[in-house]
Amino acid sequence: MNNLKIESWDTPPQGWSQYVENHPEGKLYHLPEWNDVVNRSLGRSARYITLKRADKICGVLPLTEFTSKIFGRFAVSQPFINYGGPLLDDDSLLAPLAEYLAGVRKENDYKHVELRMDRQYETALPVKQHKVTFFMDLPEDPDELMKSFKSKLRSQIKRPIKEEMTAKSGGLDLLDTFYHVFTVNMRELGTPPLPKSFFREILKQFPDLATIVAVFTKSGEAAAASFLIKYRDIVEIPWASSIRKFNRFSPNMLLYWESFRTSIENGGKVFDFGRCSPEGGTYRFKKQWKSREHPLFWYYVLPNGEDLPELNPDNAKFSLAIKTWTKLPLSVTKIVGPQIIKNIP
């Protein structure tokens, strides 16, 4: 490791994007264009950390800093989504990177540095395994996928269709529909919503990779909506919501079926259901499809003896705030929520 050089950059250095695109574990969220989206819509700038041997990149890590009056200073790779973490030529590089990040944490007075990874590493870094995702292989023909489901599942997909619900996929033309359903659902969950500008910027930056799917009642009212992001041959559904008053018609079943079908049409080979908490309602919903469970690993660089951070709705400290949020007018949550959530990764 004597010839290893680790550096931090304010802008992506030459070769960054090529390294991400060539790395088998590279995600859309490692690309500078994604950080541009976050910066334009949420005001968060990324640092670009490179590992080099003989001036050749052998690892990269995008790192986004947060400064909050409530939560203090910390950094995350990557915030607001499920993945980030370092991309490395080999796992042995994680140890010197962790040592470098310990210096970054101390120098910037961060409470912690969070690395969101989708696989386990041999490391002494403390880890949180509180979330999982599910993957489902997609055939070339949607009919083949439908036939592979059990009869009960097929009938549940058909139920909203019998109620004359319809599904539509699109982009910016469905942004208002998606955001309405999303904000209603977030308020009911007691969680501040991301700003509409965040989703707009994704659609504008990645018009060929981002898709919105929406389900409507027979009267044309939006009942459910999802936001899909494709990178390589994997289609991820980071955000999916439905409006509670329509639950008896199961719009979520049609929403996910249309999301599968759209993913296949767009060339997807694998469907990523997005993170959820084990054994919860969302977990059981995702498990019912022909999917396989996959654990997620969030590693932390923090002071010795420090507890793992809990900046999430499951923290009991936030229970009163969550209850209060559910009672606020929707118009208020749309204005105030984005100002709060930009400090919660």
Protein backbone atom coordinates (compact mmCIF):
# COMPACT_ATOMS: atom_id res chain seq x y z
CA MET A 1 0.00 0.00 0.00
CA ASN A 2 3.07 2.27 0.05
CA ASN A 3 2.36 3.52 -3.47
CA LEU A 4 -1.30 4.22 -2.71
CA LYS A 5 -2.38 7.87 -2.89
CA ILE A 6 -5.78 9.06 -1.56
CA GLU A 7 -6.98 12.53 -2.49
CA SER A 8 -10.11 14.64 -2.14
CA TRP A 9 -11.45 16.89 -4.90
CA ASP A 10 -14.14 19.57 -5.09
CA THR A 11 -14.93 18.59 -8.67
CA PRO A 12 -14.76 15.15 -10.30
CA PRO A 13 -11.20 14.49 -11.49
CA GLN A 14 -10.38 13.14 -14.92
CA GLY A 15 -11.17 9.45 -15.26
CA TRP A 16 -13.86 9.37 -12.52
CA SER A 17 -16.86 8.67 -14.74
CA GLN A 18 -14.98 6.10 -16.81
CA TYR A 19 -13.95 4.26 -13.65
CA VAL A 20 -17.56 4.17 -12.40
CA GLU A 21 -18.89 2.99 -15.75
CA ASN A 22 -16.29 0.22 -15.97
CA HIS A 23 -16.64 -0.96 -12.38
CA PRO A 24 -19.01 -3.96 -12.01
CA GLU A 25 -20.55 -2.47 -8.85
CA GLY A 26 -20.90 1.06 -10.20
CA LYS A 27 -24.25 2.77 -9.70
CA LEU A 28 -25.85 5.82 -11.25
CA TYR A 29 -25.38 7.47 -7.84
CA HIS A 30 -21.59 7.34 -8.18
CA LEU A 31 -21.65 9.54 -11.28
CA PRO A 32 -21.02 13.30 -11.07
CA GLU A 33 -24.29 13.93 -12.92
CA TRP A 34 -26.18 12.48 -9.97
CA ASN A 35 -24.37 14.77 -7.56
CA ASP A 36 -25.31 17.67 -9.84
CA VAL A 37 -28.98 16.70 -9.39
CA VAL A 38 -28.63 16.68 -5.60
CA ASN A 39 -26.77 19.99 -5.63
CA ARG A 40 -29.28 21.79 -7.85
CA SER A 41 -32.37 20.57 -5.99
CA LEU A 42 -31.17 20.18 -2.40
CA GLY A 43 -28.12 22.39 -2.19
CA ARG A 44 -25.74 19.59 -1.21
CA SER A 45 -22.28 19.37 -2.78
CA ALA A 46 -20.21 16.21 -3.00
CA ARG A 47 -16.51 15.71 -2.44
CA TYR A 48 -14.79 13.30 -4.82
CA ILE A 49 -12.32 11.01 -3.10
CA THR A 50 -9.95 8.99 -5.30
CA LEU A 51 -7.54 6.19 -4.56
CA LYS A 52 -4.65 5.97 -7.03
CA ARG A 53 -1.69 3.70 -7.74
CA ALA A 54 0.91 5.05 -10.16
CA ASP A 55 -1.51 7.86 -11.06
CA LYS A 56 -4.16 5.32 -12.07
CA ILE A 57 -7.52 5.37 -10.27
CA CYS A 58 -8.11 2.19 -8.26
CA GLY A 59 -11.03 3.41 -6.18
CA VAL A 60 -13.56 6.24 -5.85
CA LEU A 61 -15.93 7.51 -3.17
CA PRO A 62 -18.42 10.38 -3.52
CA LEU A 63 -19.08 11.95 -0.11
CA THR A 64 -21.80 14.48 0.71
CA GLU A 65 -21.51 16.73 3.76
CA PHE A 66 -24.38 17.77 6.05
CA THR A 67 -24.48 20.54 8.62
CA SER A 68 -27.61 20.61 10.77
CA LYS A 69 -28.52 22.48 13.94
CA ILE A 70 -30.29 19.34 15.15
CA PHE A 71 -28.00 16.55 13.95
CA GLY A 72 -24.65 18.34 13.77
CA ARG A 73 -22.04 17.74 11.05
CA PHE A 74 -21.69 14.42 9.25
CA ALA A 75 -21.12 12.97 5.78
CA VAL A 76 -22.88 10.28 3.75
CA SER A 77 -22.23 8.26 0.61
CA GLN A 78 -24.80 8.57 -0.81
CA PRO A 79 -27.72 10.47 0.77
CA PHE A 80 -31.42 10.32 -0.13
CA ILE A 81 -31.05 6.97 -1.91
CA ASN A 82 -30.15 3.36 -1.10
CA TYR A 83 -26.62 3.00 -2.43
CA GLY A 84 -23.31 4.81 -2.63
CA GLY A 85 -20.26 3.64 -0.79
CA PRO A 86 -16.80 3.19 -2.31
CA LEU A 87 -15.97 1.45 -5.56
CA LEU A 88 -12.62 -0.30 -5.23
CA ASP A 89 -10.33 -2.45 -7.37
CA ASP A 90 -10.16 -4.90 -4.47
CA ASP A 91 -11.54 -5.13 -0.92
CA SER A 92 -8.13 -4.67 0.70
CA LEU A 93 -8.35 -0.97 -0.22
CA LEU A 94 -11.19 -0.42 2.25
CA ALA A 95 -8.80 -0.41 5.24
CA PRO A 96 -6.61 2.49 4.04
CA LEU A 97 -9.72 4.32 2.84
CA ALA A 98 -11.32 3.93 6.28
CA GLU A 99 -8.14 5.30 7.86
CA TYR A 100 -8.24 8.28 5.50
CA LEU A 101 -11.94 8.88 6.29
CA ALA A 102 -11.16 8.81 10.01
CA GLY A 103 -8.85 11.76 9.36
CA VAL A 104 -11.52 13.50 7.26
CA ARG A 105 -14.05 12.98 10.06
CA LYS A 106 -11.73 14.43 12.69
CA GLU A 107 -10.54 17.33 10.52
CA ASN A 108 -14.11 18.40 9.70
CA ASP A 109 -15.55 17.61 13.14
CA TYR A 110 -18.05 15.14 11.67
CA LYS A 111 -20.04 13.05 14.12
CA HIS A 112 -19.80 10.19 11.65
CA VAL A 113 -19.24 9.16 8.04
CA GLU A 114 -21.86 6.78 6.63
CA LEU A 115 -21.14 4.41 3.73
CA ARG A 116 -24.19 2.75 2.17
CA MET A 117 -23.10 -0.54 0.63
CA ASP A 118 -24.97 -3.43 -0.93
CA ARG A 119 -22.63 -6.19 0.20
CA GLN A 120 -20.59 -7.22 3.22
CA TYR A 121 -16.89 -6.45 3.63
CA GLU A 122 -14.28 -7.91 5.96
CA THR A 123 -13.66 -4.80 8.04
CA ALA A 124 -13.55 -3.62 11.62
CA LEU A 125 -15.87 -0.73 10.79
CA PRO A 126 -19.14 -0.81 12.76
CA VAL A 127 -22.07 -1.77 10.56
CA LYS A 128 -25.82 -1.45 10.61
CA GLN A 129 -27.90 -4.21 8.99
CA HIS A 130 -31.33 -2.70 9.50
CA LYS A 131 -32.48 -2.70 5.87
CA VAL A 132 -32.87 -5.20 3.05
CA THR A 133 -33.97 -5.08 -0.55
CA PHE A 134 -35.42 -7.64 -2.94
CA PHE A 135 -34.39 -8.50 -6.47
CA MET A 136 -36.54 -10.14 -9.14
CA ASP A 137 -35.31 -11.40 -12.50
CA LEU A 138 -37.25 -10.02 -15.44
CA PRO A 139 -37.94 -12.14 -18.52
CA GLU A 140 -38.08 -10.64 -22.01
CA ASP A 141 -41.86 -11.01 -22.21
CA PRO A 142 -44.23 -9.50 -19.58
CA ASP A 143 -46.72 -12.32 -20.27
CA GLU A 144 -44.08 -14.82 -19.18
CA LEU A 145 -43.68 -12.95 -15.90
CA MET A 146 -47.43 -12.85 -15.30
CA LYS A 147 -47.71 -16.60 -15.91
CA SER A 148 -44.95 -17.23 -13.37
CA PHE A 149 -46.98 -15.66 -10.55
CA LYS A 150 -49.28 -17.75 -8.40
CA SER A 151 -52.99 -17.53 -9.24
CA LYS A 152 -53.74 -15.53 -6.08
CA LEU A 153 -51.20 -12.89 -7.06
CA ARG A 154 -52.53 -12.71 -10.62
CA SER A 155 -56.06 -12.18 -9.32
CA GLN A 156 -54.83 -9.38 -7.03
CA ILE A 157 -53.25 -7.64 -10.02
CA LYS A 158 -56.51 -7.94 -11.95
CA ARG A 159 -58.65 -6.59 -9.11
CA PRO A 160 -57.94 -2.87 -9.69
CA ILE A 161 -58.43 -3.44 -13.41
CA LYS A 162 -61.91 -4.79 -12.67
CA GLU A 163 -62.51 -1.55 -10.75
CA GLU A 164 -61.68 0.22 -14.04
CA MET A 165 -58.39 1.56 -12.75
CA THR A 166 -55.80 2.28 -15.43
CA ALA A 167 -52.02 2.61 -15.44
CA LYS A 168 -49.80 4.94 -17.41
CA SER A 169 -46.04 5.41 -17.69
CA GLY A 170 -44.23 8.59 -18.68
CA GLY A 171 -41.79 11.24 -17.54
CA LEU A 172 -42.19 14.95 -16.84
CA ASP A 173 -45.81 14.73 -17.99
CA LEU A 174 -46.57 12.63 -14.90
CA LEU A 175 -44.42 14.55 -12.41
CA ASP A 176 -47.34 16.49 -10.84
CA THR A 177 -49.33 13.26 -10.50
CA PHE A 178 -46.43 11.42 -8.89
CA TYR A 179 -45.65 14.27 -6.52
CA HIS A 180 -49.25 14.61 -5.36
CA VAL A 181 -49.45 10.92 -4.45
CA PHE A 182 -45.96 11.00 -2.94
CA THR A 183 -46.64 13.98 -0.67
CA VAL A 184 -50.01 12.66 0.49
CA ASN A 185 -48.38 9.36 1.41
CA MET A 186 -45.42 11.02 3.13
CA ARG A 187 -47.74 13.12 5.26
CA GLU A 188 -49.70 10.03 6.29
CA LEU A 189 -46.40 8.37 7.27
CA GLY A 190 -45.32 11.46 9.21
CA THR A 191 -42.25 12.02 7.01
CA PRO A 192 -41.23 15.29 5.27
CA PRO A 193 -41.15 14.87 1.48
CA LEU A 194 -38.28 15.51 -0.87
CA PRO A 195 -38.89 18.60 -3.05
CA LYS A 196 -40.54 18.26 -6.43
CA SER A 197 -37.44 19.87 -7.94
CA PHE A 198 -35.41 16.79 -6.94
CA PHE A 199 -37.55 14.49 -9.08
CA ARG A 200 -37.75 17.05 -11.87
CA GLU A 201 -33.97 17.30 -12.00
CA ILE A 202 -33.63 13.50 -12.17
CA LEU A 203 -36.06 13.36 -15.10
CA LYS A 204 -34.27 16.18 -16.90
CA GLN A 205 -30.76 14.86 -16.23
CA PHE A 206 -31.57 11.23 -17.06
CA PRO A 207 -34.54 11.31 -19.47
CA ASP A 208 -33.75 7.84 -20.83
CA LEU A 209 -33.20 6.25 -17.41
CA ALA A 210 -35.98 7.69 -15.20
CA THR A 211 -39.66 6.81 -15.56
CA ILE A 212 -42.84 7.57 -13.62
CA VAL A 213 -45.69 5.08 -13.44
CA ALA A 214 -49.12 6.17 -12.19
CA VAL A 215 -52.43 4.44 -11.51
CA PHE A 216 -55.73 6.28 -11.89
CA THR A 217 -59.29 5.55 -10.77
CA LYS A 218 -62.04 5.31 -13.39
CA SER A 219 -62.84 8.97 -12.65
CA GLY A 220 -59.24 9.97 -13.39
CA GLU A 221 -58.06 10.55 -9.82
CA ALA A 222 -54.49 9.52 -9.03
CA ALA A 223 -54.40 6.52 -6.68
CA ALA A 224 -50.77 5.33 -6.76
CA ALA A 225 -47.45 6.26 -8.38
CA SER A 226 -43.86 5.06 -8.60
CA PHE A 227 -40.52 6.48 -9.71
CA LEU A 228 -38.19 4.11 -11.56
CA ILE A 229 -34.47 4.53 -12.20
CA LYS A 230 -32.62 2.26 -14.64
CA TYR A 231 -28.86 1.83 -14.72
CA ARG A 232 -27.29 -0.85 -16.86
CA ASP A 233 -29.81 -3.70 -16.78
CA ILE A 234 -31.19 -3.07 -13.27
CA VAL A 235 -34.38 -1.08 -12.71
CA GLU A 236 -34.78 0.27 -9.19
CA ILE A 237 -37.98 1.59 -7.61
CA PRO A 238 -36.68 3.95 -4.88
CA TRP A 239 -40.07 5.66 -4.39
CA ALA A 240 -43.55 4.17 -4.62
CA SER A 241 -46.68 5.50 -2.93
CA SER A 242 -50.41 5.01 -2.85
CA ILE A 243 -53.27 6.98 -1.36
CA ARG A 244 -54.78 5.19 1.60
CA LYS A 245 -58.44 5.82 0.78
CA PHE A 246 -58.07 3.66 -2.37
CA ASN A 247 -56.39 0.71 -0.63
CA ARG A 248 -59.51 -1.46 -0.82
CA PHE A 249 -59.10 -1.47 -4.62
CA SER A 250 -55.42 -2.59 -4.42
CA PRO A 251 -53.94 0.07 -6.75
CA ASN A 252 -50.47 -0.94 -5.53
CA MET A 253 -50.81 -4.29 -7.26
CA LEU A 254 -51.49 -2.66 -10.62
CA LEU A 255 -48.77 -0.08 -9.93
CA TYR A 256 -46.11 -2.72 -9.43
CA TRP A 257 -47.29 -4.80 -12.36
CA GLU A 258 -47.10 -1.77 -14.65
CA SER A 259 -43.68 -0.97 -13.16
CA PHE A 260 -42.49 -4.51 -14.03
CA ARG A 261 -43.94 -4.29 -17.53
CA THR A 262 -42.42 -0.87 -18.17
CA SER A 263 -39.05 -2.07 -16.87
CA ILE A 264 -39.09 -5.00 -19.30
CA GLU A 265 -40.01 -2.72 -22.21
CA ASN A 266 -37.08 -0.45 -21.27
CA GLY A 267 -34.63 -3.34 -21.37
CA GLY A 268 -34.44 -4.15 -17.67
CA LYS A 269 -33.22 -7.61 -16.68
CA VAL A 270 -33.48 -7.26 -12.89
CA PHE A 271 -36.01 -5.37 -10.76
CA ASP A 272 -34.73 -3.85 -7.50
CA PHE A 273 -37.59 -3.31 -5.06
CA GLY A 274 -35.73 -0.77 -2.93
CA ARG A 275 -34.91 -0.85 0.75
CA CYS A 276 -37.31 -1.76 3.54
CA SER A 277 -37.23 -2.87 7.18
CA PRO A 278 -37.31 -6.65 7.75
CA GLU A 279 -40.68 -8.12 8.68
CA GLY A 280 -42.58 -4.86 8.19
CA GLY A 281 -45.62 -4.42 5.97
CA THR A 282 -43.56 -3.17 3.03
CA TYR A 283 -41.20 -6.12 3.48
CA ARG A 284 -44.07 -8.61 3.26
CA PHE A 285 -45.47 -6.85 0.20
CA LYS A 286 -42.16 -7.07 -1.66
CA LYS A 287 -41.53 -10.63 -0.57
CA GLN A 288 -44.75 -11.93 -2.14
CA TRP A 289 -43.41 -11.45 -5.68
CA LYS A 290 -40.92 -13.86 -7.24
CA SER A 291 -38.12 -12.00 -5.50
CA ARG A 292 -35.03 -12.87 -3.50
CA GLU A 293 -34.04 -11.03 -0.35
CA HIS A 294 -30.73 -9.19 -0.30
CA PRO A 295 -29.26 -7.60 2.88
CA LEU A 296 -27.82 -4.08 2.87
CA PHE A 297 -24.80 -2.99 4.90
CA TRP A 298 -24.29 0.56 6.13
CA TYR A 299 -20.77 1.03 7.52
CA TYR A 300 -19.68 3.88 9.78
CA VAL A 301 -16.55 5.82 10.55
CA LEU A 302 -17.04 7.37 13.98
CA PRO A 303 -15.19 8.04 17.26
CA ASN A 304 -14.35 5.02 19.40
CA GLY A 305 -17.24 4.04 21.65
CA GLU A 306 -19.74 6.26 19.84
CA ASP A 307 -23.21 4.79 19.25
CA LEU A 308 -24.41 4.23 15.69
CA PRO A 309 -26.53 7.17 14.48
CA GLU A 310 -30.31 6.82 14.21
CA LEU A 311 -31.46 9.58 11.85
CA ASN A 312 -34.62 7.78 10.79
CA PRO A 313 -38.37 7.66 11.60
CA ASP A 314 -37.87 4.48 13.68
CA ASN A 315 -36.06 6.53 16.31
CA ALA A 316 -38.42 6.99 19.27
CA LYS A 317 -37.13 10.55 19.72
CA PHE A 318 -39.00 11.54 16.56
CA SER A 319 -42.37 9.98 17.48
CA LEU A 320 -43.98 13.27 18.58
CA ALA A 321 -42.74 15.08 15.46
CA ILE A 322 -44.13 12.29 13.27
CA LYS A 323 -47.55 12.44 14.93
CA THR A 324 -47.63 16.22 14.55
CA TRP A 325 -46.63 16.02 10.88
CA THR A 326 -49.56 13.73 10.01
CA LYS A 327 -51.98 16.43 11.17
CA LEU A 328 -50.52 19.29 9.13
CA PRO A 329 -52.27 20.54 5.96
CA LEU A 330 -50.79 19.05 2.80
CA SER A 331 -49.98 22.52 1.45
CA VAL A 332 -47.84 23.20 4.53
CA THR A 333 -45.94 19.90 4.31
CA LYS A 334 -45.09 20.59 0.66
CA ILE A 335 -43.49 23.92 1.61
CA VAL A 336 -41.87 23.10 4.94
CA GLY A 337 -41.00 19.43 4.30
CA PRO A 338 -38.26 19.95 1.69
CA GLN A 339 -36.50 22.42 4.02
CA ILE A 340 -36.39 19.74 6.73
CA ILE A 341 -35.58 16.70 4.63
CA LYS A 342 -32.54 18.29 3.00
CA ASN A 343 -30.86 17.85 6.40
CA ILE A 344 -31.94 14.21 6.80
CA PRO A 345 -30.17 11.87 4.35
